[in-house]
Amino acid sequence: MKIEYVQQILGELKAEERSIVLMKYQDNMSISELSEMLNLSESAFKMKLKRTRDKIRSRHFELNPDKM
């Protein structure tokens, strides 16, 4: 995935979605740390993260239909 696509997709996310993705994958924070920080149960946080990843994946394929 090209950096331009990553930046575009991240820029299209809501602020909270972008934050959880960056904190999870860039800052390597754990599920328990993030769920506590957001005052969510771990299962609620995992669902929020999954939905955000699904949104990123969907947008990636919209921008790169040949990568499906």
PDB file of N, CA and C in Angstrom:
ATOM      1  N   MET A   1       0.848  -1.162   0.000  1.00  0.00           N
ATOM      2  CA  MET A   1       0.000   0.000   0.000  1.00  0.00           C
ATOM      3  C   MET A   1       0.899   1.232   0.000  1.00  0.00           C
ATOM      4  N   LYS A   2       0.635   2.131  -0.904  1.00  0.00           N
ATOM      5  CA  LYS A   2       1.457   3.335  -0.993  1.00  0.00           C
ATOM      6  C   LYS A   2       1.134   4.287   0.151  1.00  0.00           C
ATOM      7  N   ILE A   3       2.146   5.033   0.551  1.00  0.00           N
ATOM      8  CA  ILE A   3       2.010   5.954   1.678  1.00  0.00           C
ATOM      9  C   ILE A   3       0.912   6.986   1.430  1.00  0.00           C
ATOM     10  N   GLU A   4       0.737   7.415   0.172  1.00  0.00           N
ATOM     11  CA  GLU A   4      -0.295   8.401  -0.138  1.00  0.00           C
ATOM     12  C   GLU A   4      -1.678   7.852   0.174  1.00  0.00           C
ATOM     13  N   TYR A   5      -1.896   6.567  -0.151  1.00  0.00           N
ATOM     14  CA  TYR A   5      -3.190   5.939   0.129  1.00  0.00           C
ATOM     15  C   TYR A   5      -3.401   5.827   1.632  1.00  0.00           C
ATOM     16  N   VAL A   6      -2.374   5.451   2.347  1.00  0.00           N
ATOM     17  CA  VAL A   6      -2.487   5.322   3.806  1.00  0.00           C
ATOM     18  C   VAL A   6      -2.844   6.672   4.410  1.00  0.00           C
ATOM     19  N   GLN A   7      -2.146   7.716   4.010  1.00  0.00           N
ATOM     20  CA  GLN A   7      -2.416   9.048   4.532  1.00  0.00           C
ATOM     21  C   GLN A   7      -3.835   9.492   4.180  1.00  0.00           C
ATOM     22  N   GLN A   8      -4.265   9.227   2.958  1.00  0.00           N
ATOM     23  CA  GLN A   8      -5.610   9.612   2.539  1.00  0.00           C
ATOM     24  C   GLN A   8      -6.663   8.875   3.359  1.00  0.00           C
ATOM     25  N   ILE A   9      -6.489   7.567   3.499  1.00  0.00           N
ATOM     26  CA  ILE A   9      -7.462   6.766   4.236  1.00  0.00           C
ATOM     27  C   ILE A   9      -7.504   7.188   5.698  1.00  0.00           C
ATOM     28  N   LEU A  10      -6.351   7.363   6.323  1.00  0.00           N
ATOM     29  CA  LEU A  10      -6.324   7.805   7.716  1.00  0.00           C
ATOM     30  C   LEU A  10      -6.966   9.184   7.868  1.00  0.00           C
ATOM     31  N   GLY A  11      -6.756  10.039   6.902  1.00  0.00           N
ATOM     32  CA  GLY A  11      -7.347  11.376   6.941  1.00  0.00           C
ATOM     33  C   GLY A  11      -8.859  11.366   6.825  1.00  0.00           C
ATOM     34  N   GLU A  12      -9.412  10.315   6.226  1.00  0.00           N
ATOM     35  CA  GLU A  12     -10.860  10.206   6.061  1.00  0.00           C
ATOM     36  C   GLU A  12     -11.553   9.612   7.286  1.00  0.00           C
ATOM     37  N   LEU A  13     -10.780   9.032   8.181  1.00  0.00           N
ATOM     38  CA  LEU A  13     -11.366   8.436   9.379  1.00  0.00           C
ATOM     39  C   LEU A  13     -11.767   9.515  10.379  1.00  0.00           C
ATOM     40  N   LYS A  14     -12.717   9.166  11.252  1.00  0.00           N
ATOM     41  CA  LYS A  14     -13.046  10.048  12.367  1.00  0.00           C
ATOM     42  C   LYS A  14     -11.827  10.115  13.280  1.00  0.00           C
ATOM     43  N   ALA A  15     -11.722  11.185  14.038  1.00  0.00           N
ATOM     44  CA  ALA A  15     -10.562  11.396  14.899  1.00  0.00           C
ATOM     45  C   ALA A  15     -10.350  10.225  15.859  1.00  0.00           C
ATOM     46  N   GLU A  16     -11.407   9.727  16.466  1.00  0.00           N
ATOM     47  CA  GLU A  16     -11.271   8.613  17.404  1.00  0.00           C
ATOM     48  C   GLU A  16     -10.795   7.344  16.689  1.00  0.00           C
ATOM     49  N   GLU A  17     -11.332   7.078  15.505  1.00  0.00           N
ATOM     50  CA  GLU A  17     -10.905   5.897  14.744  1.00  0.00           C
ATOM     51  C   GLU A  17      -9.422   5.984  14.401  1.00  0.00           C
ATOM     52  N   ARG A  18      -9.010   7.150  13.924  1.00  0.00           N
ATOM     53  CA  ARG A  18      -7.604   7.352  13.565  1.00  0.00           C
ATOM     54  C   ARG A  18      -6.709   7.167  14.792  1.00  0.00           C
ATOM     55  N   SER A  19      -7.140   7.711  15.901  1.00  0.00           N
ATOM     56  CA  SER A  19      -6.350   7.618  17.138  1.00  0.00           C
ATOM     57  C   SER A  19      -6.179   6.183  17.597  1.00  0.00           C
ATOM     58  N   ILE A  20      -7.261   5.401  17.578  1.00  0.00           N
ATOM     59  CA  ILE A  20      -7.132   4.023  18.071  1.00  0.00           C
ATOM     60  C   ILE A  20      -6.251   3.187  17.161  1.00  0.00           C
ATOM     61  N   VAL A  21      -6.330   3.421  15.859  1.00  0.00           N
ATOM     62  CA  VAL A  21      -5.476   2.671  14.929  1.00  0.00           C
ATOM     63  C   VAL A  21      -4.011   3.041  15.142  1.00  0.00           C
ATOM     64  N   LEU A  22      -3.734   4.321  15.255  1.00  0.00           N
ATOM     65  CA  LEU A  22      -2.351   4.754  15.438  1.00  0.00           C
ATOM     66  C   LEU A  22      -1.791   4.302  16.781  1.00  0.00           C
ATOM     67  N   MET A  23      -2.600   4.413  17.834  1.00  0.00           N
ATOM     68  CA  MET A  23      -2.105   3.983  19.145  1.00  0.00           C
ATOM     69  C   MET A  23      -1.884   2.476  19.195  1.00  0.00           C
ATOM     70  N   LYS A  24      -2.748   1.728  18.529  1.00  0.00           N
ATOM     71  CA  LYS A  24      -2.607   0.266  18.536  1.00  0.00           C
ATOM     72  C   LYS A  24      -1.402  -0.180  17.703  1.00  0.00           C
ATOM     73  N   TYR A  25      -1.288   0.320  16.488  1.00  0.00           N
ATOM     74  CA  TYR A  25      -0.285  -0.208  15.566  1.00  0.00           C
ATOM     75  C   TYR A  25       1.004   0.607  15.493  1.00  0.00           C
ATOM     76  N   GLN A  26       0.934   1.890  15.683  1.00  0.00           N
ATOM     77  CA  GLN A  26       2.147   2.704  15.645  1.00  0.00           C
ATOM     78  C   GLN A  26       2.805   2.745  17.020  1.00  0.00           C
ATOM     79  N   ASP A  27       1.993   2.921  18.053  1.00  0.00           N
ATOM     80  CA  ASP A  27       2.528   3.039  19.417  1.00  0.00           C
ATOM     81  C   ASP A  27       2.568   1.701  20.149  1.00  0.00           C
ATOM     82  N   ASN A  28       2.050   0.647  19.511  1.00  0.00           N
ATOM     83  CA  ASN A  28       2.051  -0.715  20.080  1.00  0.00           C
ATOM     84  C   ASN A  28       1.396  -0.800  21.454  1.00  0.00           C
ATOM     85  N   MET A  29       0.320  -0.072  21.640  1.00  0.00           N
ATOM     86  CA  MET A  29      -0.405  -0.148  22.905  1.00  0.00           C
ATOM     87  C   MET A  29      -1.268  -1.403  22.918  1.00  0.00           C
ATOM     88  N   SER A  30      -1.462  -1.958  24.086  1.00  0.00           N
ATOM     89  CA  SER A  30      -2.243  -3.185  24.216  1.00  0.00           C
ATOM     90  C   SER A  30      -3.742  -2.885  24.210  1.00  0.00           C
ATOM     91  N   ILE A  31      -4.522  -3.927  23.955  1.00  0.00           N
ATOM     92  CA  ILE A  31      -5.975  -3.812  23.986  1.00  0.00           C
ATOM     93  C   ILE A  31      -6.419  -3.332  25.372  1.00  0.00           C
ATOM     94  N   SER A  32      -5.844  -3.903  26.406  1.00  0.00           N
ATOM     95  CA  SER A  32      -6.257  -3.515  27.763  1.00  0.00           C
ATOM     96  C   SER A  32      -5.922  -2.050  28.055  1.00  0.00           C
ATOM     97  N   GLU A  33      -4.757  -1.584  27.617  1.00  0.00           N
ATOM     98  CA  GLU A  33      -4.388  -0.183  27.824  1.00  0.00           C
ATOM     99  C   GLU A  33      -5.364   0.749  27.108  1.00  0.00           C
ATOM    100  N   LEU A  34      -5.655   0.406  25.859  1.00  0.00           N
ATOM    101  CA  LEU A  34      -6.522   1.265  25.053  1.00  0.00           C
ATOM    102  C   LEU A  34      -7.960   1.247  25.548  1.00  0.00           C
ATOM    103  N   SER A  35      -8.454   0.074  25.911  1.00  0.00           N
ATOM    104  CA  SER A  35      -9.836   0.004  26.396  1.00  0.00           C
ATOM    105  C   SER A  35      -9.981   0.775  27.702  1.00  0.00           C
ATOM    106  N   GLU A  36      -8.980   0.691  28.552  1.00  0.00           N
ATOM    107  CA  GLU A  36      -9.008   1.449  29.812  1.00  0.00           C
ATOM    108  C   GLU A  36      -8.966   2.949  29.530  1.00  0.00           C
ATOM    109  N   MET A  37      -8.117   3.357  28.613  1.00  0.00           N
ATOM    110  CA  MET A  37      -7.984   4.768  28.265  1.00  0.00           C
ATOM    111  C   MET A  37      -9.306   5.339  27.730  1.00  0.00           C
ATOM    112  N   LEU A  38     -10.017   4.521  26.949  1.00  0.00           N
ATOM    113  CA  LEU A  38     -11.275   4.974  26.351  1.00  0.00           C
ATOM    114  C   LEU A  38     -12.487   4.649  27.215  1.00  0.00           C
ATOM    115  N   ASN A  39     -12.227   4.041  28.370  1.00  0.00           N
ATOM    116  CA  ASN A  39     -13.298   3.697  29.292  1.00  0.00           C
ATOM    117  C   ASN A  39     -14.311   2.732  28.657  1.00  0.00           C
ATOM    118  N   LEU A  40     -13.791   1.727  27.940  1.00  0.00           N
ATOM    119  CA  LEU A  40     -14.601   0.704  27.285  1.00  0.00           C
ATOM    120  C   LEU A  40     -14.192  -0.663  27.804  1.00  0.00           C
ATOM    121  N   SER A  41     -15.092  -1.627  27.678  1.00  0.00           N
ATOM    122  CA  SER A  41     -14.687  -3.000  27.960  1.00  0.00           C
ATOM    123  C   SER A  41     -13.735  -3.439  26.846  1.00  0.00           C
ATOM    124  N   GLU A  42     -12.955  -4.461  27.102  1.00  0.00           N
ATOM    125  CA  GLU A  42     -12.030  -4.939  26.064  1.00  0.00           C
ATOM    126  C   GLU A  42     -12.795  -5.418  24.843  1.00  0.00           C
ATOM    127  N   SER A  43     -13.921  -6.109  25.049  1.00  0.00           N
ATOM    128  CA  SER A  43     -14.685  -6.604  23.896  1.00  0.00           C
ATOM    129  C   SER A  43     -15.271  -5.447  23.083  1.00  0.00           C
ATOM    130  N   ALA A  44     -15.717  -4.383  23.741  1.00  0.00           N
ATOM    131  CA  ALA A  44     -16.230  -3.212  23.018  1.00  0.00           C
ATOM    132  C   ALA A  44     -15.111  -2.535  22.230  1.00  0.00           C
ATOM    133  N   PHE A  45     -13.936  -2.460  22.836  1.00  0.00           N
ATOM    134  CA  PHE A  45     -12.810  -1.858  22.122  1.00  0.00           C
ATOM    135  C   PHE A  45     -12.414  -2.708  20.915  1.00  0.00           C
ATOM    136  N   LYS A  46     -12.365  -4.020  21.098  1.00  0.00           N
ATOM    137  CA  LYS A  46     -12.006  -4.909  19.983  1.00  0.00           C
ATOM    138  C   LYS A  46     -12.979  -4.748  18.824  1.00  0.00           C
ATOM    139  N   MET A  47     -14.270  -4.599  19.129  1.00  0.00           N
ATOM    140  CA  MET A  47     -15.268  -4.409  18.072  1.00  0.00           C
ATOM    141  C   MET A  47     -15.052  -3.080  17.369  1.00  0.00           C
ATOM    142  N   LYS A  48     -14.761  -2.036  18.128  1.00  0.00           N
ATOM    143  CA  LYS A  48     -14.497  -0.718  17.538  1.00  0.00           C
ATOM    144  C   LYS A  48     -13.268  -0.779  16.627  1.00  0.00           C
ATOM    145  N   LEU A  49     -12.229  -1.466  17.073  1.00  0.00           N
ATOM    146  CA  LEU A  49     -11.020  -1.619  16.273  1.00  0.00           C
ATOM    147  C   LEU A  49     -11.295  -2.428  15.006  1.00  0.00           C
ATOM    148  N   LYS A  50     -12.066  -3.500  15.140  1.00  0.00           N
ATOM    149  CA  LYS A  50     -12.411  -4.332  13.983  1.00  0.00           C
ATOM    150  C   LYS A  50     -13.192  -3.522  12.943  1.00  0.00           C
ATOM    151  N   ARG A  51     -14.152  -2.765  13.401  1.00  0.00           N
ATOM    152  CA  ARG A  51     -14.957  -1.945  12.469  1.00  0.00           C
ATOM    153  C   ARG A  51     -14.095  -0.897  11.777  1.00  0.00           C
ATOM    154  N   THR A  52     -13.161  -0.333  12.503  1.00  0.00           N
ATOM    155  CA  THR A  52     -12.257   0.653  11.904  1.00  0.00           C
ATOM    156  C   THR A  52     -11.353  -0.014  10.872  1.00  0.00           C
ATOM    157  N   ARG A  53     -10.810  -1.193  11.200  1.00  0.00           N
ATOM    158  CA  ARG A  53      -9.976  -1.921  10.229  1.00  0.00           C
ATOM    159  C   ARG A  53     -10.785  -2.297   8.999  1.00  0.00           C
ATOM    160  N   ASP A  54     -12.038  -2.706   9.192  1.00  0.00           N
ATOM    161  CA  ASP A  54     -12.908  -3.030   8.055  1.00  0.00           C
ATOM    162  C   ASP A  54     -13.124  -1.810   7.170  1.00  0.00           C
ATOM    163  N   LYS A  55     -13.301  -0.649   7.791  1.00  0.00           N
ATOM    164  CA  LYS A  55     -13.486   0.596   7.042  1.00  0.00           C
ATOM    165  C   LYS A  55     -12.224   0.918   6.234  1.00  0.00           C
ATOM    166  N   ILE A  56     -11.062   0.738   6.847  1.00  0.00           N
ATOM    167  CA  ILE A  56      -9.789   0.979   6.159  1.00  0.00           C
ATOM    168  C   ILE A  56      -9.636   0.019   4.979  1.00  0.00           C
ATOM    169  N   ARG A  57      -9.910  -1.246   5.217  1.00  0.00           N
ATOM    170  CA  ARG A  57      -9.799  -2.272   4.171  1.00  0.00           C
ATOM    171  C   ARG A  57     -10.733  -1.958   3.000  1.00  0.00           C
ATOM    172  N   SER A  58     -11.967  -1.607   3.313  1.00  0.00           N
ATOM    173  CA  SER A  58     -12.949  -1.285   2.278  1.00  0.00           C
ATOM    174  C   SER A  58     -12.499  -0.090   1.447  1.00  0.00           C
ATOM    175  N   ARG A  59     -12.036   0.939   2.121  1.00  0.00           N
ATOM    176  CA  ARG A  59     -11.571   2.136   1.409  1.00  0.00           C
ATOM    177  C   ARG A  59     -10.337   1.841   0.578  1.00  0.00           C
ATOM    178  N   HIS A  60      -9.457   0.986   1.089  1.00  0.00           N
ATOM    179  CA  HIS A  60      -8.269   0.587   0.335  1.00  0.00           C
ATOM    180  C   HIS A  60      -8.676  -0.052  -0.986  1.00  0.00           C
ATOM    181  N   PHE A  61      -9.651  -0.942  -0.949  1.00  0.00           N
ATOM    182  CA  PHE A  61     -10.080  -1.611  -2.177  1.00  0.00           C
ATOM    183  C   PHE A  61     -10.842  -0.674  -3.115  1.00  0.00           C
ATOM    184  N   GLU A  62     -11.486   0.345  -2.574  1.00  0.00           N
ATOM    185  CA  GLU A  62     -12.109   1.358  -3.429  1.00  0.00           C
ATOM    186  C   GLU A  62     -11.045   2.137  -4.196  1.00  0.00           C
ATOM    187  N   LEU A  63      -9.954   2.457  -3.520  1.00  0.00           N
ATOM    188  CA  LEU A  63      -8.874   3.220  -4.151  1.00  0.00           C
ATOM    189  C   LEU A  63      -7.994   2.351  -5.051  1.00  0.00           C
ATOM    190  N   ASN A  64      -7.972   1.043  -4.794  1.00  0.00           N
ATOM    191  CA  ASN A  64      -7.108   0.107  -5.515  1.00  0.00           C
ATOM    192  C   ASN A  64      -7.907  -1.129  -5.925  1.00  0.00           C
ATOM    193  N   PRO A  65      -8.849  -0.992  -6.841  1.00  0.00           N
ATOM    194  CA  PRO A  65      -9.711  -2.142  -7.180  1.00  0.00           C
ATOM    195  C   PRO A  65      -8.933  -3.324  -7.750  1.00  0.00           C
ATOM    196  N   ASP A  66      -7.775  -3.083  -8.313  1.00  0.00           N
ATOM    197  CA  ASP A  66      -6.972  -4.172  -8.867  1.00  0.00           C
ATOM    198  C   ASP A  66      -6.287  -4.996  -7.788  1.00  0.00           C
ATOM    199  N   LYS A  67      -6.343  -4.576  -6.512  1.00  0.00           N
ATOM    200  CA  LYS A  67      -5.692  -5.281  -5.404  1.00  0.00           C
ATOM    201  C   LYS A  67      -6.632  -6.261  -4.698  1.00  0.00           C
ATOM    202  N   MET A  68      -7.841  -6.410  -5.202  1.00  0.00           N
ATOM    203  CA  MET A  68      -8.825  -7.302  -4.550  1.00  0.00           C
ATOM    204  C   MET A  68      -8.449  -8.742  -4.718  1.00  0.00           C
TER     205      MET A  68
END
